[in-house]
Amino acid sequence: MNNNEFSNDNAQFVLSYELLSLLRWLTEHDAEKIKKIIAKALTSGLKEELNHARHIRNEEEALDEIQHGIIDFFGLLEILLHETLSEHAVQTAMQKNLMPAIDQIDSAICDDATVRTSIEKATAKIEHNPTMNPKELLFKEILKRWKPQNKNVMN
């Protein structure tokens, strides 16, 4: 196996702009916290894993392990980023008193994903322009994303 084989089509993955922004921000603003996480990992077993990795004789096995580790790490980071963004949007919605409006939305007609995305977009716009009516903005965002089902009599 040559060194270029790791970069073949089967080993490629894509990082979102949001994830790349997070990584850049963390390295610029939280390098000390990252260092503490690394120190904790070393004392919690990472050191032994690194020693074990040095003794792997099979290059293909090592490259496969590296690839899976990278994909798992970025996959988890992406999930945590999206969860945190959603939590932040809900928290902002609560601060802007949008919860009564959200509670009025019938989940049988408008799915949760549409509502969640609409909340995220509306709260982002509210943060940039606090004079806008939060409830009106939320409903506009829902209408932009809502795709009614033809089978529904109410449509």
C-alpha atoms as a PDB file:
ATOM      1  CA  MET A   1       0.000   0.000   0.000  1.00  0.00           C
ATOM      2  CA  ASN A   2       1.493   3.347  -0.945  1.00  0.00           C
ATOM      3  CA  ASN A   3       1.061   6.617   0.944  1.00  0.00           C
ATOM      4  CA  ASN A   4      -1.377   8.054  -1.616  1.00  0.00           C
ATOM      5  CA  GLU A   5      -3.893   5.289  -1.143  1.00  0.00           C
ATOM      6  CA  PHE A   6      -5.402   6.982   1.900  1.00  0.00           C
ATOM      7  CA  SER A   7      -6.583   9.826  -0.334  1.00  0.00           C
ATOM      8  CA  ASN A   8      -8.507   7.631  -2.774  1.00  0.00           C
ATOM      9  CA  ASP A   9     -12.225   8.202  -3.451  1.00  0.00           C
ATOM     10  CA  ASN A  10     -13.322   5.747  -0.756  1.00  0.00           C
ATOM     11  CA  ALA A  11     -11.565   7.741   1.968  1.00  0.00           C
ATOM     12  CA  GLN A  12     -12.949  11.208   1.193  1.00  0.00           C
ATOM     13  CA  PHE A  13     -15.395  13.028   3.382  1.00  0.00           C
ATOM     14  CA  VAL A  14     -16.831  16.523   3.394  1.00  0.00           C
ATOM     15  CA  LEU A  15     -16.762  19.037   6.223  1.00  0.00           C
ATOM     16  CA  SER A  16     -19.521  21.613   6.424  1.00  0.00           C
ATOM     17  CA  TYR A  17     -18.753  25.312   6.482  1.00  0.00           C
ATOM     18  CA  GLU A  18     -20.264  25.466   9.974  1.00  0.00           C
ATOM     19  CA  LEU A  19     -17.933  22.745  11.237  1.00  0.00           C
ATOM     20  CA  LEU A  20     -14.881  24.398   9.688  1.00  0.00           C
ATOM     21  CA  SER A  21     -15.917  27.704  11.271  1.00  0.00           C
ATOM     22  CA  LEU A  22     -16.248  25.994  14.643  1.00  0.00           C
ATOM     23  CA  LEU A  23     -12.790  24.437  14.349  1.00  0.00           C
ATOM     24  CA  ARG A  24     -11.228  27.756  13.358  1.00  0.00           C
ATOM     25  CA  TRP A  25     -13.006  29.543  16.217  1.00  0.00           C
ATOM     26  CA  LEU A  26     -11.938  26.925  18.759  1.00  0.00           C
ATOM     27  CA  THR A  27      -8.295  27.130  17.725  1.00  0.00           C
ATOM     28  CA  GLU A  28      -8.350  30.932  17.854  1.00  0.00           C
ATOM     29  CA  HIS A  29     -10.335  31.382  21.079  1.00  0.00           C
ATOM     30  CA  ASP A  30     -10.197  28.195  23.140  1.00  0.00           C
ATOM     31  CA  ALA A  31      -6.737  26.721  22.624  1.00  0.00           C
ATOM     32  CA  GLU A  32      -6.164  26.490  26.404  1.00  0.00           C
ATOM     33  CA  LYS A  33      -9.430  24.564  26.904  1.00  0.00           C
ATOM     34  CA  ILE A  34      -8.460  22.208  24.085  1.00  0.00           C
ATOM     35  CA  LYS A  35      -5.080  21.710  25.765  1.00  0.00           C
ATOM     36  CA  LYS A  36      -6.853  20.798  29.034  1.00  0.00           C
ATOM     37  CA  ILE A  37      -9.063  18.304  27.168  1.00  0.00           C
ATOM     38  CA  ILE A  38      -5.953  16.716  25.648  1.00  0.00           C
ATOM     39  CA  ALA A  39      -4.230  16.540  29.053  1.00  0.00           C
ATOM     40  CA  LYS A  40      -7.312  14.872  30.552  1.00  0.00           C
ATOM     41  CA  ALA A  41      -7.431  12.415  27.644  1.00  0.00           C
ATOM     42  CA  LEU A  42      -3.766  11.510  28.192  1.00  0.00           C
ATOM     43  CA  THR A  43      -4.398  10.705  31.851  1.00  0.00           C
ATOM     44  CA  SER A  44      -7.597   8.813  31.003  1.00  0.00           C
ATOM     45  CA  GLY A  45      -6.069   6.293  28.620  1.00  0.00           C
ATOM     46  CA  LEU A  46      -5.021   8.142  25.472  1.00  0.00           C
ATOM     47  CA  LYS A  47      -1.353   7.647  26.308  1.00  0.00           C
ATOM     48  CA  GLU A  48      -1.804   3.866  26.290  1.00  0.00           C
ATOM     49  CA  GLU A  49      -3.691   4.028  22.982  1.00  0.00           C
ATOM     50  CA  LEU A  50      -0.883   6.054  21.421  1.00  0.00           C
ATOM     51  CA  ASN A  51       1.685   3.535  22.615  1.00  0.00           C
ATOM     52  CA  HIS A  52      -0.430   0.712  21.173  1.00  0.00           C
ATOM     53  CA  ALA A  53      -0.762   2.544  17.844  1.00  0.00           C
ATOM     54  CA  ARG A  54       3.034   2.774  17.542  1.00  0.00           C
ATOM     55  CA  HIS A  55       3.262  -1.021  17.653  1.00  0.00           C
ATOM     56  CA  ILE A  56       0.757  -1.734  14.880  1.00  0.00           C
ATOM     57  CA  ARG A  57       2.660  -3.573  12.193  1.00  0.00           C
ATOM     58  CA  ASN A  58      -0.052  -3.703   9.540  1.00  0.00           C
ATOM     59  CA  GLU A  59      -0.062  -0.375   7.651  1.00  0.00           C
ATOM     60  CA  GLU A  60      -3.474  -1.045   6.103  1.00  0.00           C
ATOM     61  CA  GLU A  61      -4.994  -1.645   9.531  1.00  0.00           C
ATOM     62  CA  ALA A  62      -3.429   1.568  10.847  1.00  0.00           C
ATOM     63  CA  LEU A  63      -4.741   3.643   7.929  1.00  0.00           C
ATOM     64  CA  ASP A  64      -8.182   2.120   8.306  1.00  0.00           C
ATOM     65  CA  GLU A  65      -8.177   2.953  12.028  1.00  0.00           C
ATOM     66  CA  ILE A  66      -7.049   6.525  11.307  1.00  0.00           C
ATOM     67  CA  GLN A  67      -9.761   6.992   8.707  1.00  0.00           C
ATOM     68  CA  HIS A  68     -12.513   5.701  10.996  1.00  0.00           C
ATOM     69  CA  GLY A  69     -11.230   7.826  13.866  1.00  0.00           C
ATOM     70  CA  ILE A  70     -11.312  10.997  11.767  1.00  0.00           C
ATOM     71  CA  ILE A  71     -14.781  10.266  10.421  1.00  0.00           C
ATOM     72  CA  ASP A  72     -16.127   9.408  13.892  1.00  0.00           C
ATOM     73  CA  PHE A  73     -14.615  12.571  15.403  1.00  0.00           C
ATOM     74  CA  PHE A  74     -15.963  14.946  12.776  1.00  0.00           C
ATOM     75  CA  GLY A  75     -19.303  13.159  12.682  1.00  0.00           C
ATOM     76  CA  LEU A  76     -19.712  13.576  16.434  1.00  0.00           C
ATOM     77  CA  LEU A  77     -18.545  17.179  16.282  1.00  0.00           C
ATOM     78  CA  GLU A  78     -21.098  17.910  13.549  1.00  0.00           C
ATOM     79  CA  ILE A  79     -23.911  16.312  15.576  1.00  0.00           C
ATOM     80  CA  LEU A  80     -22.941  18.235  18.714  1.00  0.00           C
ATOM     81  CA  LEU A  81     -22.760  21.488  16.760  1.00  0.00           C
ATOM     82  CA  HIS A  82     -26.258  21.028  15.312  1.00  0.00           C
ATOM     83  CA  GLU A  83     -27.694  19.982  18.683  1.00  0.00           C
ATOM     84  CA  THR A  84     -26.161  23.049  20.308  1.00  0.00           C
ATOM     85  CA  LEU A  85     -27.455  25.332  17.548  1.00  0.00           C
ATOM     86  CA  SER A  86     -30.961  23.923  18.020  1.00  0.00           C
ATOM     87  CA  GLU A  87     -30.767  24.307  21.792  1.00  0.00           C
ATOM     88  CA  HIS A  88     -29.564  27.884  21.356  1.00  0.00           C
ATOM     89  CA  ALA A  89     -32.439  28.641  18.988  1.00  0.00           C
ATOM     90  CA  VAL A  90     -34.981  27.234  21.460  1.00  0.00           C
ATOM     91  CA  GLN A  91     -33.424  29.203  24.303  1.00  0.00           C
ATOM     92  CA  THR A  92     -33.563  32.391  22.217  1.00  0.00           C
ATOM     93  CA  ALA A  93     -37.164  31.622  21.264  1.00  0.00           C
ATOM     94  CA  MET A  94     -38.035  31.314  24.941  1.00  0.00           C
ATOM     95  CA  GLN A  95     -36.318  34.622  25.682  1.00  0.00           C
ATOM     96  CA  LYS A  96     -38.280  36.300  22.880  1.00  0.00           C
ATOM     97  CA  ASN A  97     -41.570  34.857  24.191  1.00  0.00           C
ATOM     98  CA  LEU A  98     -42.121  32.707  21.097  1.00  0.00           C
ATOM     99  CA  MET A  99     -43.102  29.582  23.018  1.00  0.00           C
ATOM    100  CA  PRO A 100     -46.845  30.445  23.118  1.00  0.00           C
ATOM    101  CA  ALA A 101     -46.788  30.876  19.329  1.00  0.00           C
ATOM    102  CA  ILE A 102     -44.840  27.630  18.876  1.00  0.00           C
ATOM    103  CA  ASP A 103     -47.318  25.773  21.096  1.00  0.00           C
ATOM    104  CA  GLN A 104     -50.150  26.834  18.765  1.00  0.00           C
ATOM    105  CA  ILE A 105     -48.592  25.064  15.764  1.00  0.00           C
ATOM    106  CA  ASP A 106     -50.317  21.770  14.998  1.00  0.00           C
ATOM    107  CA  SER A 107     -47.607  19.113  14.655  1.00  0.00           C
ATOM    108  CA  ALA A 108     -49.955  16.989  12.532  1.00  0.00           C
ATOM    109  CA  ILE A 109     -49.927  19.704   9.875  1.00  0.00           C
ATOM    110  CA  CYS A 110     -46.390  21.074  10.195  1.00  0.00           C
ATOM    111  CA  ASP A 111     -43.562  18.657  11.021  1.00  0.00           C
ATOM    112  CA  ASP A 112     -41.053  19.227  13.814  1.00  0.00           C
ATOM    113  CA  ALA A 113     -38.081  19.661  11.470  1.00  0.00           C
ATOM    114  CA  THR A 114     -39.809  22.526   9.653  1.00  0.00           C
ATOM    115  CA  VAL A 115     -40.693  24.200  12.945  1.00  0.00           C
ATOM    116  CA  ARG A 116     -37.159  23.742  14.330  1.00  0.00           C
ATOM    117  CA  THR A 117     -35.497  25.156  11.213  1.00  0.00           C
ATOM    118  CA  SER A 118     -37.960  28.049  11.189  1.00  0.00           C
ATOM    119  CA  ILE A 119     -37.218  28.810  14.846  1.00  0.00           C
ATOM    120  CA  GLU A 120     -33.482  28.815  14.122  1.00  0.00           C
ATOM    121  CA  LYS A 121     -33.879  31.165  11.141  1.00  0.00           C
ATOM    122  CA  ALA A 122     -36.326  33.468  12.945  1.00  0.00           C
ATOM    123  CA  THR A 123     -34.183  33.770  16.066  1.00  0.00           C
ATOM    124  CA  ALA A 124     -31.095  34.497  13.959  1.00  0.00           C
ATOM    125  CA  LYS A 125     -32.963  37.294  12.184  1.00  0.00           C
ATOM    126  CA  ILE A 126     -34.307  38.625  15.496  1.00  0.00           C
ATOM    127  CA  GLU A 127     -30.771  38.806  16.899  1.00  0.00           C
ATOM    128  CA  HIS A 128     -29.692  40.953  13.934  1.00  0.00           C
ATOM    129  CA  ASN A 129     -32.807  43.143  14.031  1.00  0.00           C
ATOM    130  CA  PRO A 130     -34.445  43.186  17.473  1.00  0.00           C
ATOM    131  CA  THR A 131     -37.187  45.601  16.372  1.00  0.00           C
ATOM    132  CA  MET A 132     -38.871  42.948  14.223  1.00  0.00           C
ATOM    133  CA  ASN A 133     -42.012  41.229  15.536  1.00  0.00           C
ATOM    134  CA  PRO A 134     -40.758  37.772  16.661  1.00  0.00           C
ATOM    135  CA  LYS A 135     -44.103  35.993  16.286  1.00  0.00           C
ATOM    136  CA  GLU A 136     -44.725  37.381  12.806  1.00  0.00           C
ATOM    137  CA  LEU A 137     -41.189  36.546  11.725  1.00  0.00           C
ATOM    138  CA  LEU A 138     -41.535  32.974  13.005  1.00  0.00           C
ATOM    139  CA  PHE A 139     -44.760  32.408  11.090  1.00  0.00           C
ATOM    140  CA  LYS A 140     -43.219  33.856   7.903  1.00  0.00           C
ATOM    141  CA  GLU A 141     -40.274  31.467   8.251  1.00  0.00           C
ATOM    142  CA  ILE A 142     -42.630  28.514   8.758  1.00  0.00           C
ATOM    143  CA  LEU A 143     -44.619  29.466   5.666  1.00  0.00           C
ATOM    144  CA  LYS A 144     -41.395  29.625   3.610  1.00  0.00           C
ATOM    145  CA  ARG A 145     -40.488  26.052   4.564  1.00  0.00           C
ATOM    146  CA  TRP A 146     -43.860  24.379   4.980  1.00  0.00           C
ATOM    147  CA  LYS A 147     -44.664  21.818   2.304  1.00  0.00           C
ATOM    148  CA  PRO A 148     -48.273  20.727   2.789  1.00  0.00           C
ATOM    149  CA  GLN A 149     -49.227  17.207   1.872  1.00  0.00           C
ATOM    150  CA  ASN A 150     -51.856  16.958  -0.890  1.00  0.00           C
ATOM    151  CA  LYS A 151     -53.718  14.259   1.027  1.00  0.00           C
ATOM    152  CA  ASN A 152     -54.459  16.619   3.892  1.00  0.00           C
ATOM    153  CA  VAL A 153     -58.014  18.004   3.669  1.00  0.00           C
ATOM    154  CA  MET A 154     -57.027  21.184   5.509  1.00  0.00           C
ATOM    155  CA  ASN A 155     -54.712  22.292   2.680  1.00  0.00           C
END
